[in-house]
Amino acid sequence: MNNSMIVLPANEAPTMSSLEMVDYINADRKSKAEAQGLKFPCKQIRKLEHRSFMKKVPKVIGEAAAKFFASDSYINGTGGKVERDIYNFPKREACLMAMSYSYELQAQVFDHMTKLEGSNEVNLLDFSGLTELAISEMQNRVAAAEKFSFEEHGQAGSALMTRRKKEKKVIKKAEQLVKDLIQFKLCDLGDFPNGELA
């Protein structure tokens, strides 16, 4: 997975959704298949479906799984908005779920969650103080947010594409704000008959 900066809402404990977990698991399985010279998915290494992961959660987490239950919406192939059940796991539960698949995967998830914990001050999509920065810093901030959003959530077919679309809207507004601040606006000074000020 990617090692770029992480977006976290300020003062919020990091979580990892079941959709992200499935993406991690399938990426791990794909790399293992390719290392063996196999296509992914194949008979030997199957693609994990989100619904199968969801069934496994109560078996691994137990009754506490209900605390992490949430919902997510996405646009289906016909353009309709669909709600689906997901889980949002804190670090401990994310690591337990990953460990139920492999120790290597647990290490990846642990590293990812640790990185999230260390990034509480870095919220690339929080543009609230944008106008207080120098113009070059504003441009760099918006570019960094776009790069992060694309690299982390911009893969076709990813369950995170819905997040990318929301982030893109916020980034576009920030880009427009920076453009408006860069372009000088002159107020109407009136007509200048005979070369004198009106």
N, C-alpha and C. Protein backbone atom coordinates (compact mmCIF):
# COMPACT_ATOMS: atom_id res chain seq x y z
N MET A 1 0.83 -1.20 0.00
CA MET A 1 0.00 0.00 0.00
C MET A 1 0.87 1.25 0.00
N ASN A 2 0.25 2.36 -0.23
CA ASN A 2 0.94 3.64 -0.40
C ASN A 2 1.41 4.20 0.93
N ASN A 3 2.54 4.90 0.93
CA ASN A 3 3.09 5.47 2.16
C ASN A 3 2.97 6.99 2.21
N SER A 4 1.98 7.58 1.57
CA SER A 4 1.86 9.03 1.59
C SER A 4 1.14 9.49 2.85
N MET A 5 0.98 10.81 3.02
CA MET A 5 0.36 11.36 4.22
C MET A 5 -1.08 10.88 4.34
N ILE A 6 -1.57 10.89 5.54
CA ILE A 6 -2.89 10.38 5.84
C ILE A 6 -3.82 11.53 6.23
N VAL A 7 -5.08 11.42 5.84
CA VAL A 7 -6.08 12.43 6.20
C VAL A 7 -6.85 11.93 7.41
N LEU A 8 -6.92 12.73 8.42
CA LEU A 8 -7.72 12.41 9.61
C LEU A 8 -8.48 13.64 10.06
N PRO A 9 -9.76 13.50 10.35
CA PRO A 9 -10.43 14.63 10.95
C PRO A 9 -9.76 14.96 12.28
N ALA A 10 -9.67 16.24 12.60
CA ALA A 10 -8.97 16.66 13.82
C ALA A 10 -9.62 16.03 15.05
N ASN A 11 -8.79 15.64 16.01
CA ASN A 11 -9.22 15.10 17.30
C ASN A 11 -10.07 13.84 17.18
N GLU A 12 -9.92 13.06 16.16
CA GLU A 12 -10.70 11.84 16.00
C GLU A 12 -9.75 10.65 15.96
N ALA A 13 -10.09 9.59 16.71
CA ALA A 13 -9.26 8.39 16.72
C ALA A 13 -9.33 7.74 15.34
N PRO A 14 -8.22 7.24 14.84
CA PRO A 14 -8.23 6.64 13.51
C PRO A 14 -9.02 5.33 13.48
N THR A 15 -9.68 5.10 12.38
CA THR A 15 -10.40 3.84 12.18
C THR A 15 -10.08 3.32 10.79
N MET A 16 -10.38 2.06 10.59
CA MET A 16 -10.20 1.44 9.28
C MET A 16 -11.51 0.71 8.98
N SER A 17 -12.11 1.02 7.85
CA SER A 17 -13.40 0.41 7.51
C SER A 17 -13.19 -1.02 7.00
N SER A 18 -14.27 -1.78 7.06
CA SER A 18 -14.22 -3.14 6.53
C SER A 18 -13.94 -3.12 5.03
N LEU A 19 -14.36 -2.07 4.34
CA LEU A 19 -14.08 -1.94 2.91
C LEU A 19 -12.57 -1.79 2.67
N GLU A 20 -11.93 -0.94 3.50
CA GLU A 20 -10.48 -0.77 3.41
C GLU A 20 -9.75 -2.06 3.75
N MET A 21 -10.26 -2.77 4.76
CA MET A 21 -9.64 -4.05 5.16
C MET A 21 -9.68 -5.04 4.00
N VAL A 22 -10.82 -5.12 3.33
CA VAL A 22 -10.95 -6.04 2.20
C VAL A 22 -9.99 -5.64 1.08
N ASP A 23 -9.84 -4.33 0.84
CA ASP A 23 -8.87 -3.87 -0.16
C ASP A 23 -7.45 -4.29 0.22
N TYR A 24 -7.11 -4.15 1.49
CA TYR A 24 -5.78 -4.56 1.97
C TYR A 24 -5.57 -6.07 1.78
N ILE A 25 -6.58 -6.84 2.17
CA ILE A 25 -6.48 -8.30 2.06
C ILE A 25 -6.33 -8.72 0.61
N ASN A 26 -7.13 -8.14 -0.27
CA ASN A 26 -7.05 -8.50 -1.70
C ASN A 26 -5.73 -8.05 -2.32
N ALA A 27 -5.21 -6.90 -1.89
CA ALA A 27 -3.90 -6.46 -2.39
C ALA A 27 -2.82 -7.43 -1.94
N ASP A 28 -2.91 -7.90 -0.70
CA ASP A 28 -1.96 -8.89 -0.17
C ASP A 28 -2.06 -10.20 -0.95
N ARG A 29 -3.28 -10.64 -1.19
CA ARG A 29 -3.48 -11.89 -1.95
C ARG A 29 -2.98 -11.76 -3.38
N LYS A 30 -3.21 -10.60 -3.97
CA LYS A 30 -2.75 -10.38 -5.35
C LYS A 30 -1.22 -10.45 -5.42
N SER A 31 -0.55 -9.81 -4.47
CA SER A 31 0.92 -9.84 -4.51
C SER A 31 1.44 -11.26 -4.29
N LYS A 32 0.78 -12.04 -3.44
CA LYS A 32 1.18 -13.43 -3.23
C LYS A 32 0.95 -14.26 -4.49
N ALA A 33 -0.16 -14.03 -5.16
CA ALA A 33 -0.45 -14.76 -6.41
C ALA A 33 0.60 -14.43 -7.47
N GLU A 34 0.90 -13.13 -7.62
CA GLU A 34 1.88 -12.72 -8.62
C GLU A 34 3.27 -13.27 -8.31
N ALA A 35 3.60 -13.37 -7.01
CA ALA A 35 4.90 -13.92 -6.61
C ALA A 35 5.01 -15.39 -6.99
N GLN A 36 3.87 -16.07 -7.08
CA GLN A 36 3.85 -17.48 -7.47
C GLN A 36 3.63 -17.64 -8.98
N GLY A 37 3.57 -16.52 -9.70
CA GLY A 37 3.36 -16.56 -11.14
C GLY A 37 1.93 -16.87 -11.53
N LEU A 38 0.99 -16.59 -10.64
CA LEU A 38 -0.43 -16.86 -10.89
C LEU A 38 -1.17 -15.58 -11.19
N LYS A 39 -2.28 -15.73 -11.92
CA LYS A 39 -3.18 -14.60 -12.13
C LYS A 39 -4.04 -14.46 -10.89
N PHE A 40 -4.47 -13.27 -10.59
CA PHE A 40 -5.35 -13.06 -9.44
C PHE A 40 -6.67 -12.48 -9.92
N PRO A 41 -7.78 -13.00 -9.47
CA PRO A 41 -7.98 -14.18 -8.63
C PRO A 41 -7.85 -15.47 -9.44
N CYS A 42 -7.60 -16.55 -8.72
CA CYS A 42 -7.50 -17.88 -9.34
C CYS A 42 -8.01 -18.91 -8.34
N LYS A 43 -7.98 -20.20 -8.73
CA LYS A 43 -8.49 -21.25 -7.85
C LYS A 43 -7.70 -21.32 -6.55
N GLN A 44 -6.39 -21.16 -6.66
CA GLN A 44 -5.55 -21.27 -5.47
C GLN A 44 -5.69 -20.06 -4.53
N ILE A 45 -5.81 -18.87 -5.11
CA ILE A 45 -5.90 -17.64 -4.31
C ILE A 45 -7.11 -16.85 -4.79
N ARG A 46 -8.15 -16.90 -3.98
CA ARG A 46 -9.41 -16.27 -4.35
C ARG A 46 -9.50 -14.83 -3.87
N LYS A 47 -10.35 -14.07 -4.53
CA LYS A 47 -10.62 -12.69 -4.13
C LYS A 47 -11.62 -12.70 -2.98
N LEU A 48 -11.34 -11.95 -1.93
CA LEU A 48 -12.25 -11.87 -0.78
C LEU A 48 -13.37 -10.89 -1.11
N GLU A 49 -14.59 -11.34 -0.89
CA GLU A 49 -15.76 -10.49 -1.07
C GLU A 49 -16.09 -9.82 0.26
N HIS A 50 -16.57 -8.60 0.20
CA HIS A 50 -16.90 -7.86 1.42
C HIS A 50 -17.93 -8.59 2.27
N ARG A 51 -18.90 -9.20 1.65
CA ARG A 51 -19.95 -9.90 2.41
C ARG A 51 -19.37 -11.07 3.20
N SER A 52 -18.35 -11.75 2.66
CA SER A 52 -17.70 -12.85 3.38
C SER A 52 -16.93 -12.31 4.58
N PHE A 53 -16.27 -11.16 4.38
CA PHE A 53 -15.54 -10.52 5.48
C PHE A 53 -16.51 -10.14 6.59
N MET A 54 -17.67 -9.57 6.21
CA MET A 54 -18.67 -9.12 7.19
C MET A 54 -19.16 -10.29 8.04
N LYS A 55 -19.32 -11.47 7.44
CA LYS A 55 -19.77 -12.65 8.19
C LYS A 55 -18.72 -13.09 9.21
N LYS A 56 -17.46 -12.87 8.90
CA LYS A 56 -16.37 -13.31 9.77
C LYS A 56 -16.17 -12.40 10.99
N VAL A 57 -16.56 -11.15 10.87
CA VAL A 57 -16.30 -10.17 11.93
C VAL A 57 -16.83 -10.61 13.30
N PRO A 58 -18.11 -11.00 13.43
CA PRO A 58 -18.60 -11.41 14.76
C PRO A 58 -17.87 -12.64 15.31
N LYS A 59 -17.40 -13.50 14.44
CA LYS A 59 -16.67 -14.70 14.89
C LYS A 59 -15.32 -14.32 15.50
N VAL A 60 -14.68 -13.27 14.95
CA VAL A 60 -13.36 -12.86 15.42
C VAL A 60 -13.48 -11.87 16.59
N ILE A 61 -14.34 -10.87 16.45
CA ILE A 61 -14.45 -9.79 17.44
C ILE A 61 -15.41 -10.16 18.58
N GLY A 62 -16.37 -11.02 18.29
CA GLY A 62 -17.36 -11.40 19.30
C GLY A 62 -18.48 -10.39 19.39
N GLU A 63 -19.12 -10.32 20.55
CA GLU A 63 -20.27 -9.43 20.74
C GLU A 63 -19.91 -7.96 20.59
N ALA A 64 -18.66 -7.63 20.84
CA ALA A 64 -18.21 -6.23 20.73
C ALA A 64 -18.29 -5.71 19.29
N ALA A 65 -18.43 -6.61 18.33
CA ALA A 65 -18.49 -6.20 16.92
C ALA A 65 -19.60 -5.19 16.66
N ALA A 66 -20.70 -5.31 17.38
CA ALA A 66 -21.84 -4.41 17.18
C ALA A 66 -21.48 -2.95 17.40
N LYS A 67 -20.49 -2.67 18.28
CA LYS A 67 -20.08 -1.29 18.55
C LYS A 67 -19.49 -0.61 17.33
N PHE A 68 -18.96 -1.40 16.40
CA PHE A 68 -18.23 -0.85 15.26
C PHE A 68 -19.06 -0.88 13.98
N PHE A 69 -20.33 -1.24 14.10
CA PHE A 69 -21.21 -1.34 12.94
C PHE A 69 -21.55 0.04 12.41
N ALA A 70 -21.56 0.18 11.09
CA ALA A 70 -21.86 1.47 10.45
C ALA A 70 -22.51 1.20 9.09
N SER A 71 -22.77 2.26 8.35
CA SER A 71 -23.29 2.09 6.99
C SER A 71 -22.54 3.02 6.05
N ASP A 72 -22.58 2.68 4.78
CA ASP A 72 -21.88 3.42 3.74
C ASP A 72 -22.79 3.47 2.53
N SER A 73 -22.71 4.53 1.76
CA SER A 73 -23.51 4.60 0.54
C SER A 73 -22.57 4.72 -0.66
N TYR A 74 -23.00 4.18 -1.77
CA TYR A 74 -22.23 4.25 -3.00
C TYR A 74 -23.19 4.28 -4.18
N ILE A 75 -22.69 4.66 -5.34
CA ILE A 75 -23.50 4.70 -6.55
C ILE A 75 -23.27 3.40 -7.31
N ASN A 76 -24.36 2.68 -7.58
CA ASN A 76 -24.22 1.40 -8.30
C ASN A 76 -24.09 1.63 -9.81
N GLY A 77 -24.00 0.56 -10.56
CA GLY A 77 -23.78 0.63 -12.01
C GLY A 77 -24.89 1.32 -12.78
N THR A 78 -26.09 1.36 -12.22
CA THR A 78 -27.20 2.02 -12.91
C THR A 78 -27.39 3.46 -12.44
N GLY A 79 -26.49 3.93 -11.57
CA GLY A 79 -26.56 5.32 -11.11
C GLY A 79 -27.38 5.51 -9.85
N GLY A 80 -27.90 4.42 -9.28
CA GLY A 80 -28.70 4.54 -8.05
C GLY A 80 -27.83 4.56 -6.81
N LYS A 81 -28.31 5.24 -5.79
CA LYS A 81 -27.59 5.30 -4.52
C LYS A 81 -27.99 4.10 -3.68
N VAL A 82 -26.97 3.36 -3.21
CA VAL A 82 -27.21 2.12 -2.47
C VAL A 82 -26.53 2.22 -1.10
N GLU A 83 -27.23 1.82 -0.06
CA GLU A 83 -26.66 1.75 1.29
C GLU A 83 -26.15 0.34 1.52
N ARG A 84 -25.02 0.24 2.22
CA ARG A 84 -24.50 -1.09 2.59
C ARG A 84 -23.95 -1.03 4.00
N ASP A 85 -23.97 -2.19 4.66
CA ASP A 85 -23.45 -2.30 6.02
C ASP A 85 -21.94 -2.46 5.97
N ILE A 86 -21.26 -1.79 6.88
CA ILE A 86 -19.81 -1.90 7.01
C ILE A 86 -19.47 -1.89 8.49
N TYR A 87 -18.19 -2.09 8.78
CA TYR A 87 -17.65 -1.89 10.12
C TYR A 87 -16.56 -0.84 10.03
N ASN A 88 -16.43 -0.04 11.10
CA ASN A 88 -15.30 0.88 11.24
C ASN A 88 -14.53 0.46 12.48
N PHE A 89 -13.32 -0.07 12.26
CA PHE A 89 -12.54 -0.65 13.35
C PHE A 89 -11.49 0.31 13.89
N PRO A 90 -11.37 0.40 15.22
CA PRO A 90 -10.19 1.06 15.78
C PRO A 90 -8.98 0.13 15.60
N LYS A 91 -7.83 0.59 16.03
CA LYS A 91 -6.58 -0.14 15.78
C LYS A 91 -6.62 -1.58 16.27
N ARG A 92 -7.03 -1.80 17.50
CA ARG A 92 -6.99 -3.16 18.07
C ARG A 92 -7.83 -4.13 17.23
N GLU A 93 -9.06 -3.75 16.94
CA GLU A 93 -9.96 -4.64 16.20
C GLU A 93 -9.52 -4.82 14.75
N ALA A 94 -8.98 -3.75 14.16
CA ALA A 94 -8.45 -3.88 12.78
C ALA A 94 -7.32 -4.90 12.76
N CYS A 95 -6.45 -4.84 13.76
CA CYS A 95 -5.33 -5.79 13.82
C CYS A 95 -5.82 -7.21 14.08
N LEU A 96 -6.85 -7.36 14.94
CA LEU A 96 -7.42 -8.70 15.17
C LEU A 96 -8.00 -9.29 13.90
N MET A 97 -8.72 -8.47 13.15
CA MET A 97 -9.29 -8.96 11.89
C MET A 97 -8.20 -9.33 10.90
N ALA A 98 -7.19 -8.50 10.80
CA ALA A 98 -6.09 -8.79 9.87
C ALA A 98 -5.36 -10.06 10.29
N MET A 99 -5.14 -10.24 11.59
CA MET A 99 -4.44 -11.42 12.10
C MET A 99 -5.22 -12.69 11.78
N SER A 100 -6.55 -12.59 11.68
CA SER A 100 -7.35 -13.77 11.36
C SER A 100 -7.10 -14.25 9.93
N TYR A 101 -6.44 -13.42 9.13
CA TYR A 101 -6.07 -13.81 7.76
C TYR A 101 -4.60 -14.18 7.67
N SER A 102 -3.71 -13.35 8.20
CA SER A 102 -2.28 -13.68 8.22
C SER A 102 -1.53 -12.71 9.13
N TYR A 103 -0.39 -13.17 9.63
CA TYR A 103 0.44 -12.31 10.46
C TYR A 103 1.06 -11.18 9.65
N GLU A 104 1.39 -11.46 8.38
CA GLU A 104 1.95 -10.42 7.52
C GLU A 104 0.94 -9.30 7.32
N LEU A 105 -0.30 -9.68 7.10
CA LEU A 105 -1.36 -8.69 6.92
C LEU A 105 -1.57 -7.90 8.22
N GLN A 106 -1.50 -8.58 9.35
CA GLN A 106 -1.62 -7.88 10.64
C GLN A 106 -0.54 -6.82 10.78
N ALA A 107 0.69 -7.16 10.37
CA ALA A 107 1.79 -6.19 10.45
C ALA A 107 1.52 -4.98 9.56
N GLN A 108 0.99 -5.20 8.37
CA GLN A 108 0.67 -4.10 7.45
C GLN A 108 -0.39 -3.18 8.06
N VAL A 109 -1.44 -3.80 8.59
CA VAL A 109 -2.53 -3.02 9.18
C VAL A 109 -2.06 -2.28 10.42
N PHE A 110 -1.25 -2.94 11.25
CA PHE A 110 -0.70 -2.29 12.43
C PHE A 110 0.12 -1.07 12.04
N ASP A 111 1.00 -1.22 11.02
CA ASP A 111 1.81 -0.09 10.55
C ASP A 111 0.93 1.04 10.02
N HIS A 112 -0.10 0.67 9.26
CA HIS A 112 -1.02 1.67 8.69
C HIS A 112 -1.74 2.44 9.80
N MET A 113 -2.26 1.72 10.79
CA MET A 113 -2.99 2.36 11.87
C MET A 113 -2.05 3.21 12.75
N THR A 114 -0.83 2.73 12.95
CA THR A 114 0.15 3.51 13.73
C THR A 114 0.47 4.81 13.01
N LYS A 115 0.57 4.73 11.70
CA LYS A 115 0.82 5.93 10.90
C LYS A 115 -0.35 6.91 11.02
N LEU A 116 -1.56 6.36 11.02
CA LEU A 116 -2.75 7.20 11.20
C LEU A 116 -2.73 7.90 12.55
N GLU A 117 -2.36 7.17 13.58
CA GLU A 117 -2.31 7.75 14.93
C GLU A 117 -1.30 8.88 15.01
N GLY A 118 -0.19 8.74 14.31
CA GLY A 118 0.84 9.76 14.34
C GLY A 118 0.55 10.94 13.46
N SER A 119 -0.55 10.92 12.74
CA SER A 119 -0.84 11.98 11.78
C SER A 119 -2.02 12.84 12.18
N ASN A 120 -2.37 12.85 13.46
CA ASN A 120 -3.55 13.60 13.89
C ASN A 120 -3.47 15.08 13.55
N GLU A 121 -2.25 15.66 13.50
CA GLU A 121 -2.16 17.08 13.19
C GLU A 121 -2.21 17.34 11.68
N VAL A 122 -2.08 16.29 10.87
CA VAL A 122 -2.01 16.47 9.43
C VAL A 122 -3.36 16.09 8.82
N ASN A 123 -4.13 17.08 8.48
CA ASN A 123 -5.40 16.85 7.80
C ASN A 123 -5.35 17.62 6.50
N LEU A 124 -4.94 16.94 5.45
CA LEU A 124 -4.74 17.61 4.17
C LEU A 124 -6.02 18.20 3.59
N LEU A 125 -7.16 17.72 4.02
CA LEU A 125 -8.40 18.23 3.47
C LEU A 125 -9.07 19.27 4.36
N ASP A 126 -8.38 19.72 5.38
CA ASP A 126 -8.89 20.81 6.22
C ASP A 126 -8.29 22.11 5.69
N PHE A 127 -9.09 22.86 4.96
CA PHE A 127 -8.61 24.09 4.34
C PHE A 127 -9.04 25.32 5.13
N SER A 128 -9.42 25.16 6.40
CA SER A 128 -9.95 26.28 7.18
C SER A 128 -8.95 27.42 7.33
N GLY A 129 -7.64 27.14 7.44
CA GLY A 129 -6.66 28.21 7.60
C GLY A 129 -5.92 28.53 6.32
N LEU A 130 -6.48 28.11 5.20
CA LEU A 130 -5.80 28.24 3.91
C LEU A 130 -5.45 29.69 3.56
N THR A 131 -6.36 30.61 3.83
CA THR A 131 -6.13 32.00 3.42
C THR A 131 -5.06 32.69 4.26
N GLU A 132 -4.66 32.09 5.36
CA GLU A 132 -3.62 32.68 6.20
C GLU A 132 -2.21 32.32 5.71
N LEU A 133 -2.12 31.42 4.75
CA LEU A 133 -0.83 30.98 4.23
C LEU A 133 -0.38 31.89 3.09
N ALA A 134 0.91 31.83 2.80
CA ALA A 134 1.42 32.52 1.61
C ALA A 134 0.86 31.82 0.37
N ILE A 135 0.81 32.53 -0.75
CA ILE A 135 0.20 31.97 -1.95
C ILE A 135 0.88 30.67 -2.37
N SER A 136 2.21 30.61 -2.34
CA SER A 136 2.89 29.37 -2.74
C SER A 136 2.56 28.23 -1.78
N GLU A 137 2.41 28.54 -0.48
CA GLU A 137 2.03 27.51 0.49
C GLU A 137 0.61 27.03 0.25
N MET A 138 -0.28 27.95 -0.12
CA MET A 138 -1.66 27.58 -0.45
C MET A 138 -1.67 26.60 -1.62
N GLN A 139 -0.93 26.96 -2.66
CA GLN A 139 -0.88 26.10 -3.84
C GLN A 139 -0.30 24.73 -3.50
N ASN A 140 0.76 24.71 -2.69
CA ASN A 140 1.37 23.44 -2.29
C ASN A 140 0.39 22.60 -1.47
N ARG A 141 -0.35 23.24 -0.59
CA ARG A 141 -1.31 22.53 0.26
C ARG A 141 -2.40 21.88 -0.57
N VAL A 142 -2.95 22.62 -1.53
CA VAL A 142 -4.00 22.09 -2.40
C VAL A 142 -3.44 20.96 -3.26
N ALA A 143 -2.23 21.13 -3.79
CA ALA A 143 -1.61 20.09 -4.62
C ALA A 143 -1.35 18.83 -3.80
N ALA A 144 -0.92 18.98 -2.55
CA ALA A 144 -0.66 17.82 -1.69
C ALA A 144 -1.96 17.07 -1.38
N ALA A 145 -3.05 17.82 -1.16
CA ALA A 145 -4.35 17.19 -0.90
C ALA A 145 -4.82 16.42 -2.12
N GLU A 146 -4.67 17.00 -3.30
CA GLU A 146 -5.08 16.32 -4.53
C GLU A 146 -4.25 15.06 -4.75
N LYS A 147 -2.95 15.15 -4.55
CA LYS A 147 -2.06 13.99 -4.73
C LYS A 147 -2.43 12.87 -3.76
N PHE A 148 -2.63 13.22 -2.49
CA PHE A 148 -3.01 12.22 -1.50
C PHE A 148 -4.32 11.55 -1.88
N SER A 149 -5.34 12.35 -2.18
CA SER A 149 -6.65 11.81 -2.50
C SER A 149 -6.58 10.88 -3.71
N PHE A 150 -5.84 11.28 -4.73
CA PHE A 150 -5.73 10.44 -5.93
C PHE A 150 -5.00 9.13 -5.63
N GLU A 151 -3.87 9.21 -4.93
CA GLU A 151 -3.08 8.01 -4.66
C GLU A 151 -3.77 7.05 -3.71
N GLU A 152 -4.46 7.56 -2.71
CA GLU A 152 -5.07 6.70 -1.70
C GLU A 152 -6.47 6.22 -2.08
N HIS A 153 -7.24 7.07 -2.79
CA HIS A 153 -8.65 6.75 -3.02
C HIS A 153 -9.06 6.81 -4.49
N GLY A 154 -8.10 6.96 -5.40
CA GLY A 154 -8.45 7.17 -6.80
C GLY A 154 -8.30 5.97 -7.69
N GLN A 155 -8.15 4.77 -7.13
CA GLN A 155 -7.98 3.59 -7.96
C GLN A 155 -9.34 3.12 -8.46
N ALA A 156 -9.42 2.84 -9.75
CA ALA A 156 -10.68 2.39 -10.33
C ALA A 156 -11.12 1.11 -9.66
N GLY A 157 -12.41 1.01 -9.33
CA GLY A 157 -12.94 -0.18 -8.71
C GLY A 157 -12.74 -0.23 -7.20
N SER A 158 -12.05 0.73 -6.66
CA SER A 158 -11.79 0.74 -5.23
C SER A 158 -13.06 1.13 -4.49
N ALA A 159 -13.23 0.55 -3.32
CA ALA A 159 -14.37 0.91 -2.49
C ALA A 159 -14.23 2.33 -1.96
N LEU A 160 -13.06 2.90 -2.12
CA LEU A 160 -12.80 4.24 -1.60
C LEU A 160 -13.10 5.33 -2.63
N MET A 161 -13.60 4.96 -3.81
CA MET A 161 -13.87 5.95 -4.85
C MET A 161 -14.93 6.96 -4.40
N THR A 162 -15.87 6.54 -3.57
CA THR A 162 -16.89 7.47 -3.07
C THR A 162 -16.21 8.55 -2.24
N ARG A 163 -15.23 8.15 -1.41
CA ARG A 163 -14.50 9.13 -0.61
C ARG A 163 -13.73 10.07 -1.52
N ARG A 164 -13.14 9.54 -2.59
CA ARG A 164 -12.38 10.35 -3.55
C ARG A 164 -13.28 11.42 -4.15
N LYS A 165 -14.50 11.05 -4.50
CA LYS A 165 -15.42 12.01 -5.11
C LYS A 165 -15.75 13.15 -4.14
N LYS A 166 -15.96 12.80 -2.86
CA LYS A 166 -16.24 13.83 -1.85
C LYS A 166 -15.02 14.73 -1.66
N GLU A 167 -13.83 14.10 -1.59
CA GLU A 167 -12.60 14.87 -1.42
C GLU A 167 -12.38 15.80 -2.60
N LYS A 168 -12.68 15.32 -3.81
CA LYS A 168 -12.48 16.11 -5.02
C LYS A 168 -13.30 17.40 -4.97
N LYS A 169 -14.53 17.31 -4.44
CA LYS A 169 -15.38 18.51 -4.33
C LYS A 169 -14.73 19.54 -3.40
N VAL A 170 -14.22 19.07 -2.27
CA VAL A 170 -13.57 19.97 -1.31
C VAL A 170 -12.32 20.59 -1.92
N ILE A 171 -11.54 19.76 -2.62
CA ILE A 171 -10.30 20.23 -3.25
C ILE A 171 -10.60 21.27 -4.32
N LYS A 172 -11.65 21.05 -5.12
CA LYS A 172 -12.03 22.01 -6.17
C LYS A 172 -12.38 23.36 -5.56
N LYS A 173 -13.11 23.37 -4.44
CA LYS A 173 -13.45 24.64 -3.78
C LYS A 173 -12.20 25.35 -3.30
N ALA A 174 -11.25 24.59 -2.74
CA ALA A 174 -10.00 25.19 -2.26
C ALA A 174 -9.18 25.72 -3.43
N GLU A 175 -9.16 24.98 -4.55
CA GLU A 175 -8.43 25.46 -5.74
C GLU A 175 -9.02 26.77 -6.23
N GLN A 176 -10.36 26.86 -6.25
CA GLN A 176 -11.02 28.08 -6.70
C GLN A 176 -10.71 29.25 -5.76
N LEU A 177 -10.68 28.99 -4.46
CA LEU A 177 -10.35 30.02 -3.49
C LEU A 177 -8.94 30.55 -3.74
N VAL A 178 -8.00 29.64 -3.97
CA VAL A 178 -6.62 30.07 -4.25
C VAL A 178 -6.57 30.87 -5.54
N LYS A 179 -7.28 30.45 -6.58
CA LYS A 179 -7.29 31.19 -7.85
C LYS A 179 -7.86 32.59 -7.65
N ASP A 180 -8.95 32.66 -6.87
CA ASP A 180 -9.57 33.97 -6.62
C ASP A 180 -8.62 34.90 -5.87
N LEU A 181 -7.85 34.36 -4.95
CA LEU A 181 -6.90 35.18 -4.18
C LEU A 181 -5.71 35.61 -5.02
N ILE A 182 -5.31 34.77 -5.97
CA ILE A 182 -4.15 35.08 -6.80
C ILE A 182 -4.47 36.16 -7.81
N GLN A 183 -5.68 36.09 -8.39
CA GLN A 183 -6.05 37.05 -9.42
C GLN A 183 -6.49 38.35 -8.77
N PHE A 184 -5.84 39.42 -9.16
CA PHE A 184 -6.18 40.73 -8.61
C PHE A 184 -7.48 41.22 -9.21
N LYS A 185 -8.31 41.79 -8.35
CA LYS A 185 -9.58 42.35 -8.81
C LYS A 185 -9.52 43.86 -8.67
N LEU A 186 -9.77 44.54 -9.74
CA LEU A 186 -9.78 46.00 -9.72
C LEU A 186 -11.22 46.48 -9.68
N CYS A 187 -11.47 47.40 -8.80
CA CYS A 187 -12.81 47.94 -8.75
C CYS A 187 -12.98 48.94 -9.90
N ASP A 188 -14.21 49.25 -10.21
CA ASP A 188 -14.50 50.18 -11.29
C ASP A 188 -14.11 51.58 -10.86
N LEU A 189 -13.19 52.19 -11.59
CA LEU A 189 -12.73 53.53 -11.26
C LEU A 189 -13.52 54.61 -12.01
N GLY A 190 -14.50 54.21 -12.77
CA GLY A 190 -15.33 55.16 -13.48
C GLY A 190 -14.76 55.51 -14.84
N ASP A 191 -15.39 56.49 -15.50
CA ASP A 191 -14.95 56.95 -16.82
C ASP A 191 -13.85 57.99 -16.68
N PHE A 192 -13.03 58.12 -17.67
CA PHE A 192 -11.94 59.11 -17.68
C PHE A 192 -12.12 60.03 -18.88
N PRO A 193 -13.07 60.95 -18.80
CA PRO A 193 -13.24 61.87 -19.94
C PRO A 193 -12.08 62.85 -19.99
N ASN A 194 -11.62 63.12 -21.17
CA ASN A 194 -10.53 64.06 -21.42
C ASN A 194 -9.28 63.74 -20.60
N GLY A 195 -9.07 62.45 -20.25
CA GLY A 195 -7.88 62.04 -19.55
C GLY A 195 -7.83 62.43 -18.10
N GLU A 196 -8.92 62.92 -17.53
CA GLU A 196 -8.95 63.27 -16.10
C GLU A 196 -9.82 62.29 -15.35
N LEU A 197 -9.53 62.16 -14.05
CA LEU A 197 -10.35 61.27 -13.21
C LEU A 197 -11.77 61.83 -13.10
N ALA A 198 -12.72 60.93 -13.08
CA ALA A 198 -14.11 61.37 -12.97
C ALA A 198 -14.47 61.73 -11.54
